Amino acid sequence: MKVVKYIMIFLFSITLLSSCKKEKNNTNLATVYECPMLCEGDKMYGEGGSCPVCKMDLAQKNQNDAKELATDISESSIFNLTSEWKTEENKRIHLEDLRGKTLVMVMIYTTCKAACPRLVADMRNIEAKIPKEYNEDLQYVLISIDPKNDTPERLKAFAKENFMDDEHWTFLQGTEESVREFANVLAVKYKQISPLDFSHSNIISVFNPEGELVHQQEGLGVDNKETVASILETVKN
């Protein structure tokens, strides 16, 4: 699929474009900064700002921990993103807290009356085709593109309304910046066209337990045979 190819090119090219910049910043400050996508390897910065390669905000790190980079996490993993999110239970988490499970993720907003109800139905349809014995190794994640209105309380009510409040369902509220950052990684495009309405891409993504993209399903009400097969293959490995 063209979208998957685009994503993989995006995630890997940021490293290849800067492979000649692997030197470390010899700062002696107590606090240092790094790109969340590790565009320049383990290079550190003495001040905050934006990555010169991918333009994402640099993440703050304690210098004592700076050498303990997540070398066991690939550079294409979404677990390199350091943004904080709130769940429908109002718990603060990072994406890396979802590590170890196959992830099926989609971006929606709860006031949507057109595409999102169909995306939600597609997610439930996918879940229905996966044997329940795999639920402990799976997490279905719905990320709101409207963090201003989709509070944890609203997301929890939405989960109950749509019978998606079991343990293997998670809803996330971020900030406008973290939502945009994550959407860019997934090549999901969205635009606010009124206070409660957005136009957006319709993409369901599957990640392996290490946070690496393995499959994307684009469109509404499409045949999800390949998506289900991808989830089963990933969860069984």
C-alpha atoms as a PDB file:
ATOM      1  CA  MET A   1       0.000   0.000   0.000  1.00  0.00           C
ATOM      2  CA  LYS A   2       1.291   3.458  -0.928  1.00  0.00           C
ATOM      3  CA  VAL A   3       0.580   4.879   2.531  1.00  0.00           C
ATOM      4  CA  VAL A   4       2.690   2.190   4.242  1.00  0.00           C
ATOM      5  CA  LYS A   5       5.530   2.831   1.809  1.00  0.00           C
ATOM      6  CA  TYR A   6       5.327   6.563   2.556  1.00  0.00           C
ATOM      7  CA  ILE A   7       5.434   5.992   6.301  1.00  0.00           C
ATOM      8  CA  MET A   8       8.450   3.702   6.125  1.00  0.00           C
ATOM      9  CA  ILE A   9      10.301   6.183   3.898  1.00  0.00           C
ATOM     10  CA  PHE A  10       9.495   8.979   6.380  1.00  0.00           C
ATOM     11  CA  LEU A  11      10.614   7.050   9.454  1.00  0.00           C
ATOM     12  CA  PHE A  12      13.853   5.735   7.977  1.00  0.00           C
ATOM     13  CA  SER A  13      14.938   8.656   5.784  1.00  0.00           C
ATOM     14  CA  ILE A  14      15.303  11.055   8.718  1.00  0.00           C
ATOM     15  CA  THR A  15      18.169   8.888   9.935  1.00  0.00           C
ATOM     16  CA  LEU A  16      19.790   8.352   6.547  1.00  0.00           C
ATOM     17  CA  LEU A  17      19.732  12.065   5.735  1.00  0.00           C
ATOM     18  CA  SER A  18      21.859  12.848   8.776  1.00  0.00           C
ATOM     19  CA  SER A  19      24.089   9.797   9.081  1.00  0.00           C
ATOM     20  CA  CYS A  20      27.155  12.005   8.880  1.00  0.00           C
ATOM     21  CA  LYS A  21      26.159  13.864  12.062  1.00  0.00           C
ATOM     22  CA  LYS A  22      26.678  11.181  14.677  1.00  0.00           C
ATOM     23  CA  GLU A  23      29.013  13.175  16.917  1.00  0.00           C
ATOM     24  CA  LYS A  24      27.827  13.903  20.443  1.00  0.00           C
ATOM     25  CA  ASN A  25      27.381  17.343  21.848  1.00  0.00           C
ATOM     26  CA  ASN A  26      30.011  17.779  24.564  1.00  0.00           C
ATOM     27  CA  THR A  27      27.815  19.850  26.857  1.00  0.00           C
ATOM     28  CA  ASN A  28      28.401  19.832  30.588  1.00  0.00           C
ATOM     29  CA  LEU A  29      24.919  21.017  31.497  1.00  0.00           C
ATOM     30  CA  ALA A  30      22.802  18.995  33.870  1.00  0.00           C
ATOM     31  CA  THR A  31      19.944  19.000  31.376  1.00  0.00           C
ATOM     32  CA  VAL A  32      20.335  18.129  27.711  1.00  0.00           C
ATOM     33  CA  TYR A  33      17.943  17.669  24.794  1.00  0.00           C
ATOM     34  CA  GLU A  34      17.573  15.186  21.957  1.00  0.00           C
ATOM     35  CA  CYS A  35      15.319  14.602  18.985  1.00  0.00           C
ATOM     36  CA  PRO A  36      12.478  12.161  19.934  1.00  0.00           C
ATOM     37  CA  MET A  37      12.987  10.399  16.599  1.00  0.00           C
ATOM     38  CA  LEU A  38      16.800  10.254  17.045  1.00  0.00           C
ATOM     39  CA  CYS A  39      17.335  11.865  13.634  1.00  0.00           C
ATOM     40  CA  GLU A  40      20.994  12.544  14.441  1.00  0.00           C
ATOM     41  CA  GLY A  41      21.655   9.367  16.363  1.00  0.00           C
ATOM     42  CA  ASP A  42      22.691  10.084  19.940  1.00  0.00           C
ATOM     43  CA  LYS A  43      23.518  13.750  19.401  1.00  0.00           C
ATOM     44  CA  MET A  44      22.591  15.967  22.355  1.00  0.00           C
ATOM     45  CA  TYR A  45      21.838  19.682  22.552  1.00  0.00           C
ATOM     46  CA  GLY A  46      22.498  22.052  25.439  1.00  0.00           C
ATOM     47  CA  GLU A  47      19.332  24.057  24.782  1.00  0.00           C
ATOM     48  CA  GLY A  48      15.765  23.258  23.779  1.00  0.00           C
ATOM     49  CA  GLY A  49      14.378  23.970  20.346  1.00  0.00           C
ATOM     50  CA  SER A  50      13.503  22.011  17.228  1.00  0.00           C
ATOM     51  CA  CYS A  51      15.307  19.176  15.493  1.00  0.00           C
ATOM     52  CA  PRO A  52      17.079  20.592  12.392  1.00  0.00           C
ATOM     53  CA  VAL A  53      16.102  17.491  10.423  1.00  0.00           C
ATOM     54  CA  CYS A  54      12.449  16.597  11.247  1.00  0.00           C
ATOM     55  CA  LYS A  55      11.550  19.911  12.980  1.00  0.00           C
ATOM     56  CA  MET A  56       9.965  18.146  15.998  1.00  0.00           C
ATOM     57  CA  ASP A  57      10.468  19.701  19.437  1.00  0.00           C
ATOM     58  CA  LEU A  58      13.582  18.439  21.189  1.00  0.00           C
ATOM     59  CA  ALA A  59      12.894  16.281  24.244  1.00  0.00           C
ATOM     60  CA  GLN A  60      14.485  17.082  27.600  1.00  0.00           C
ATOM     61  CA  LYS A  61      16.738  14.477  29.211  1.00  0.00           C
ATOM     62  CA  ASN A  62      18.740  14.379  32.397  1.00  0.00           C
ATOM     63  CA  GLN A  63      22.410  14.202  31.435  1.00  0.00           C
ATOM     64  CA  ASN A  64      22.934  11.284  33.803  1.00  0.00           C
ATOM     65  CA  ASP A  65      20.414   9.349  31.750  1.00  0.00           C
ATOM     66  CA  ALA A  66      21.511  10.663  28.376  1.00  0.00           C
ATOM     67  CA  LYS A  67      23.822   7.734  27.710  1.00  0.00           C
ATOM     68  CA  GLU A  68      21.029   5.319  28.483  1.00  0.00           C
ATOM     69  CA  LEU A  69      19.304   5.836  25.133  1.00  0.00           C
ATOM     70  CA  ALA A  70      16.743   3.246  24.160  1.00  0.00           C
ATOM     71  CA  THR A  71      19.146   1.327  21.935  1.00  0.00           C
ATOM     72  CA  ASP A  72      16.796  -1.646  22.010  1.00  0.00           C
ATOM     73  CA  ILE A  73      14.069   0.467  20.394  1.00  0.00           C
ATOM     74  CA  SER A  74      14.432   0.833  16.647  1.00  0.00           C
ATOM     75  CA  GLU A  75      14.614   4.287  15.115  1.00  0.00           C
ATOM     76  CA  SER A  76      11.308   3.637  13.302  1.00  0.00           C
ATOM     77  CA  SER A  77       9.407   2.932  16.530  1.00  0.00           C
ATOM     78  CA  ILE A  78       6.669   5.261  17.765  1.00  0.00           C
ATOM     79  CA  PHE A  79       8.028   4.618  21.264  1.00  0.00           C
ATOM     80  CA  ASN A  80      10.740   7.186  20.513  1.00  0.00           C
ATOM     81  CA  LEU A  81       8.058   9.862  20.849  1.00  0.00           C
ATOM     82  CA  THR A  82       8.170  11.313  24.353  1.00  0.00           C
ATOM     83  CA  SER A  83       4.820  13.135  24.453  1.00  0.00           C
ATOM     84  CA  GLU A  84       2.479  12.546  27.385  1.00  0.00           C
ATOM     85  CA  TRP A  85      -1.159  11.515  26.937  1.00  0.00           C
ATOM     86  CA  LYS A  86      -4.247  11.082  29.109  1.00  0.00           C
ATOM     87  CA  THR A  87      -6.397   7.970  28.890  1.00  0.00           C
ATOM     88  CA  GLU A  88     -10.174   7.834  29.232  1.00  0.00           C
ATOM     89  CA  GLU A  89      -9.482   6.947  32.889  1.00  0.00           C
ATOM     90  CA  ASN A  90      -7.531  10.222  33.236  1.00  0.00           C
ATOM     91  CA  LYS A  91      -4.246   8.366  33.660  1.00  0.00           C
ATOM     92  CA  ARG A  92      -1.094   9.947  32.267  1.00  0.00           C
ATOM     93  CA  ILE A  93       0.903   7.669  29.981  1.00  0.00           C
ATOM     94  CA  HIS A  94       3.563   7.713  27.282  1.00  0.00           C
ATOM     95  CA  LEU A  95       3.290   5.659  24.119  1.00  0.00           C
ATOM     96  CA  GLU A  96       6.110   3.449  25.361  1.00  0.00           C
ATOM     97  CA  ASP A  97       3.822   2.323  28.189  1.00  0.00           C
ATOM     98  CA  LEU A  98       1.965   0.363  25.492  1.00  0.00           C
ATOM     99  CA  ARG A  99       5.106  -1.522  24.552  1.00  0.00           C
ATOM    100  CA  GLY A 100       4.833  -5.287  24.477  1.00  0.00           C
ATOM    101  CA  LYS A 101       1.412  -5.447  22.827  1.00  0.00           C
ATOM    102  CA  THR A 102       0.315  -5.444  19.214  1.00  0.00           C
ATOM    103  CA  LEU A 103      -1.352  -2.061  18.682  1.00  0.00           C
ATOM    104  CA  VAL A 104      -4.287  -1.288  16.414  1.00  0.00           C
ATOM    105  CA  MET A 105      -4.575   2.494  16.255  1.00  0.00           C
ATOM    106  CA  VAL A 106      -6.905   5.032  14.664  1.00  0.00           C
ATOM    107  CA  MET A 107      -7.396   8.784  14.969  1.00  0.00           C
ATOM    108  CA  ILE A 108     -10.978  10.038  15.442  1.00  0.00           C
ATOM    109  CA  TYR A 109     -13.022  12.668  17.315  1.00  0.00           C
ATOM    110  CA  THR A 110     -16.176  12.015  19.270  1.00  0.00           C
ATOM    111  CA  THR A 111     -18.453  14.707  17.786  1.00  0.00           C
ATOM    112  CA  CYS A 112     -17.904  13.425  14.249  1.00  0.00           C
ATOM    113  CA  LYS A 113     -21.154  12.426  12.532  1.00  0.00           C
ATOM    114  CA  ALA A 114     -19.760  11.112   9.244  1.00  0.00           C
ATOM    115  CA  ALA A 115     -16.493   9.190   8.928  1.00  0.00           C
ATOM    116  CA  CYS A 116     -15.648   8.483  12.582  1.00  0.00           C
ATOM    117  CA  PRO A 117     -18.699   6.328  13.363  1.00  0.00           C
ATOM    118  CA  ARG A 118     -17.694   4.147  10.415  1.00  0.00           C
ATOM    119  CA  LEU A 119     -14.073   4.031  11.598  1.00  0.00           C
ATOM    120  CA  VAL A 120     -15.300   2.980  15.038  1.00  0.00           C
ATOM    121  CA  ALA A 121     -17.431   0.298  13.402  1.00  0.00           C
ATOM    122  CA  ASP A 122     -14.407  -0.868  11.412  1.00  0.00           C
ATOM    123  CA  MET A 123     -12.365  -1.150  14.626  1.00  0.00           C
ATOM    124  CA  ARG A 124     -15.107  -3.173  16.308  1.00  0.00           C
ATOM    125  CA  ASN A 125     -15.421  -5.358  13.221  1.00  0.00           C
ATOM    126  CA  ILE A 126     -11.695  -6.060  13.295  1.00  0.00           C
ATOM    127  CA  GLU A 127     -11.823  -6.852  17.012  1.00  0.00           C
ATOM    128  CA  ALA A 128     -14.720  -9.258  16.454  1.00  0.00           C
ATOM    129  CA  LYS A 129     -12.633 -11.275  13.997  1.00  0.00           C
ATOM    130  CA  ILE A 130      -9.700 -11.740  16.399  1.00  0.00           C
ATOM    131  CA  PRO A 131     -10.011 -14.699  18.798  1.00  0.00           C
ATOM    132  CA  LYS A 132     -10.579 -13.451  22.350  1.00  0.00           C
ATOM    133  CA  GLU A 133      -7.605 -15.496  23.538  1.00  0.00           C
ATOM    134  CA  TYR A 134      -5.349 -12.817  22.024  1.00  0.00           C
ATOM    135  CA  ASN A 135      -6.959  -9.855  23.804  1.00  0.00           C
ATOM    136  CA  GLU A 136      -4.292  -9.791  26.509  1.00  0.00           C
ATOM    137  CA  ASP A 137      -1.634  -9.271  23.830  1.00  0.00           C
ATOM    138  CA  LEU A 138      -3.579  -6.630  21.911  1.00  0.00           C
ATOM    139  CA  GLN A 139      -4.487  -3.005  22.502  1.00  0.00           C
ATOM    140  CA  TYR A 140      -6.977  -1.106  20.366  1.00  0.00           C
ATOM    141  CA  VAL A 141      -6.127   2.586  20.667  1.00  0.00           C
ATOM    142  CA  LEU A 142      -8.286   5.503  19.556  1.00  0.00           C
ATOM    143  CA  ILE A 143      -6.556   8.884  19.590  1.00  0.00           C
ATOM    144  CA  SER A 144      -8.635  12.067  19.482  1.00  0.00           C
ATOM    145  CA  ILE A 145      -7.744  14.740  16.960  1.00  0.00           C
ATOM    146  CA  ASP A 146      -9.868  17.166  19.014  1.00  0.00           C
ATOM    147  CA  PRO A 147      -8.071  17.309  22.383  1.00  0.00           C
ATOM    148  CA  LYS A 148      -9.826  20.529  23.357  1.00  0.00           C
ATOM    149  CA  ASN A 149     -13.271  18.929  23.466  1.00  0.00           C
ATOM    150  CA  ASP A 150     -12.433  15.243  23.876  1.00  0.00           C
ATOM    151  CA  THR A 151     -11.571  15.265  27.564  1.00  0.00           C
ATOM    152  CA  PRO A 152     -10.932  12.003  29.424  1.00  0.00           C
ATOM    153  CA  GLU A 153     -14.485  12.205  30.765  1.00  0.00           C
ATOM    154  CA  ARG A 154     -15.921  12.596  27.278  1.00  0.00           C
ATOM    155  CA  LEU A 155     -13.747   9.784  25.921  1.00  0.00           C
ATOM    156  CA  LYS A 156     -14.863   7.466  28.722  1.00  0.00           C
ATOM    157  CA  ALA A 157     -18.516   8.186  27.985  1.00  0.00           C
ATOM    158  CA  PHE A 158     -17.893   7.605  24.290  1.00  0.00           C
ATOM    159  CA  ALA A 159     -16.198   4.281  25.048  1.00  0.00           C
ATOM    160  CA  LYS A 160     -19.208   3.114  27.021  1.00  0.00           C
ATOM    161  CA  GLU A 161     -21.651   4.333  24.379  1.00  0.00           C
ATOM    162  CA  ASN A 162     -19.839   2.273  21.757  1.00  0.00           C
ATOM    163  CA  PHE A 163     -19.219  -0.832  23.903  1.00  0.00           C
ATOM    164  CA  MET A 164     -15.468  -0.232  23.797  1.00  0.00           C
ATOM    165  CA  ASP A 165     -14.735  -0.045  27.511  1.00  0.00           C
ATOM    166  CA  ASP A 166     -13.018  -3.409  28.015  1.00  0.00           C
ATOM    167  CA  GLU A 167      -9.375  -3.511  29.092  1.00  0.00           C
ATOM    168  CA  HIS A 168      -8.084  -3.989  25.554  1.00  0.00           C
ATOM    169  CA  TRP A 169      -9.563  -0.643  24.436  1.00  0.00           C
ATOM    170  CA  THR A 170      -7.761   2.629  25.163  1.00  0.00           C
ATOM    171  CA  PHE A 171      -8.705   6.208  24.278  1.00  0.00           C
ATOM    172  CA  LEU A 172      -6.083   8.963  24.347  1.00  0.00           C
ATOM    173  CA  GLN A 173      -6.226  12.730  24.700  1.00  0.00           C
ATOM    174  CA  GLY A 174      -3.041  14.624  23.940  1.00  0.00           C
ATOM    175  CA  THR A 175      -2.172  18.248  23.296  1.00  0.00           C
ATOM    176  CA  GLU A 176      -2.613  19.924  19.917  1.00  0.00           C
ATOM    177  CA  GLU A 177       1.145  19.609  19.425  1.00  0.00           C
ATOM    178  CA  SER A 178       1.408  15.921  20.357  1.00  0.00           C
ATOM    179  CA  VAL A 179      -1.623  15.018  18.240  1.00  0.00           C
ATOM    180  CA  ARG A 180      -0.155  16.819  15.225  1.00  0.00           C
ATOM    181  CA  GLU A 181       3.202  15.158  15.784  1.00  0.00           C
ATOM    182  CA  PHE A 182       1.665  11.697  15.935  1.00  0.00           C
ATOM    183  CA  ALA A 183      -0.534  12.359  12.904  1.00  0.00           C
ATOM    184  CA  ASN A 184       2.556  13.386  10.923  1.00  0.00           C
ATOM    185  CA  VAL A 185       4.269  10.114  11.786  1.00  0.00           C
ATOM    186  CA  LEU A 186       1.240   8.165  10.536  1.00  0.00           C
ATOM    187  CA  ALA A 187       0.699  10.397   7.472  1.00  0.00           C
ATOM    188  CA  VAL A 188      -2.788  11.142   8.786  1.00  0.00           C
ATOM    189  CA  LYS A 189      -3.998  14.512   7.549  1.00  0.00           C
ATOM    190  CA  TYR A 190      -6.655  16.496   9.366  1.00  0.00           C
ATOM    191  CA  LYS A 191      -7.958  20.047   9.366  1.00  0.00           C
ATOM    192  CA  GLN A 192     -10.438  21.815  11.601  1.00  0.00           C
ATOM    193  CA  ILE A 193     -13.239  23.273   9.489  1.00  0.00           C
ATOM    194  CA  SER A 194     -15.534  24.450  12.322  1.00  0.00           C
ATOM    195  CA  PRO A 195     -15.414  24.464  16.151  1.00  0.00           C
ATOM    196  CA  LEU A 196     -16.689  20.876  16.300  1.00  0.00           C
ATOM    197  CA  ASP A 197     -15.870  19.515  12.867  1.00  0.00           C
ATOM    198  CA  PHE A 198     -12.724  18.217  11.178  1.00  0.00           C
ATOM    199  CA  SER A 199     -11.843  16.776   7.802  1.00  0.00           C
ATOM    200  CA  HIS A 200      -9.371  13.910   8.193  1.00  0.00           C
ATOM    201  CA  SER A 201      -7.778  10.794   6.726  1.00  0.00           C
ATOM    202  CA  ASN A 202      -9.385   7.434   7.440  1.00  0.00           C
ATOM    203  CA  ILE A 203      -6.502   5.140   8.336  1.00  0.00           C
ATOM    204  CA  ILE A 204      -6.223   2.228  10.767  1.00  0.00           C
ATOM    205  CA  SER A 205      -2.639   1.310  11.628  1.00  0.00           C
ATOM    206  CA  VAL A 206      -1.155  -1.866  13.080  1.00  0.00           C
ATOM    207  CA  PHE A 207       2.081  -1.788  15.087  1.00  0.00           C
ATOM    208  CA  ASN A 208       4.098  -4.708  16.402  1.00  0.00           C
ATOM    209  CA  PRO A 209       4.965  -4.912  20.139  1.00  0.00           C
ATOM    210  CA  GLU A 210       8.100  -2.823  19.496  1.00  0.00           C
ATOM    211  CA  GLY A 211       6.071   0.054  18.081  1.00  0.00           C
ATOM    212  CA  GLU A 212       7.027  -0.516  14.445  1.00  0.00           C
ATOM    213  CA  LEU A 213       4.415  -0.019  11.738  1.00  0.00           C
ATOM    214  CA  VAL A 214       3.531  -3.297  10.006  1.00  0.00           C
ATOM    215  CA  HIS A 215       0.268  -2.526   8.191  1.00  0.00           C
ATOM    216  CA  GLN A 216      -2.211   0.220   7.345  1.00  0.00           C
ATOM    217  CA  GLN A 217      -5.815   0.045   6.197  1.00  0.00           C
ATOM    218  CA  GLU A 218      -7.093   3.101   4.371  1.00  0.00           C
ATOM    219  CA  GLY A 219     -10.718   3.934   3.688  1.00  0.00           C
ATOM    220  CA  LEU A 220     -14.102   3.265   5.258  1.00  0.00           C
ATOM    221  CA  GLY A 221     -15.878  -0.075   5.343  1.00  0.00           C
ATOM    222  CA  VAL A 222     -13.124  -1.710   3.303  1.00  0.00           C
ATOM    223  CA  ASP A 223     -12.301  -5.411   3.313  1.00  0.00           C
ATOM    224  CA  ASN A 224     -10.250  -5.877   6.496  1.00  0.00           C
ATOM    225  CA  LYS A 225      -8.995  -9.362   5.641  1.00  0.00           C
ATOM    226  CA  GLU A 226      -5.374  -8.191   5.270  1.00  0.00           C
ATOM    227  CA  THR A 227      -5.582  -6.141   8.456  1.00  0.00           C
ATOM    228  CA  VAL A 228      -6.862  -9.085  10.488  1.00  0.00           C
ATOM    229  CA  ALA A 229      -4.193 -11.346   8.995  1.00  0.00           C
ATOM    230  CA  SER A 230      -1.495  -8.794   9.857  1.00  0.00           C
ATOM    231  CA  ILE A 231      -2.720  -8.538  13.465  1.00  0.00           C
ATOM    232  CA  LEU A 232      -2.815 -12.311  13.875  1.00  0.00           C
ATOM    233  CA  GLU A 233       0.641 -12.740  12.380  1.00  0.00           C
ATOM    234  CA  THR A 234       2.061 -10.043  14.634  1.00  0.00           C
ATOM    235  CA  VAL A 235       0.390 -11.169  17.847  1.00  0.00           C
ATOM    236  CA  LYS A 236       1.471 -14.789  17.329  1.00  0.00           C
ATOM    237  CA  ASN A 237       5.171 -13.925  16.874  1.00  0.00           C
END
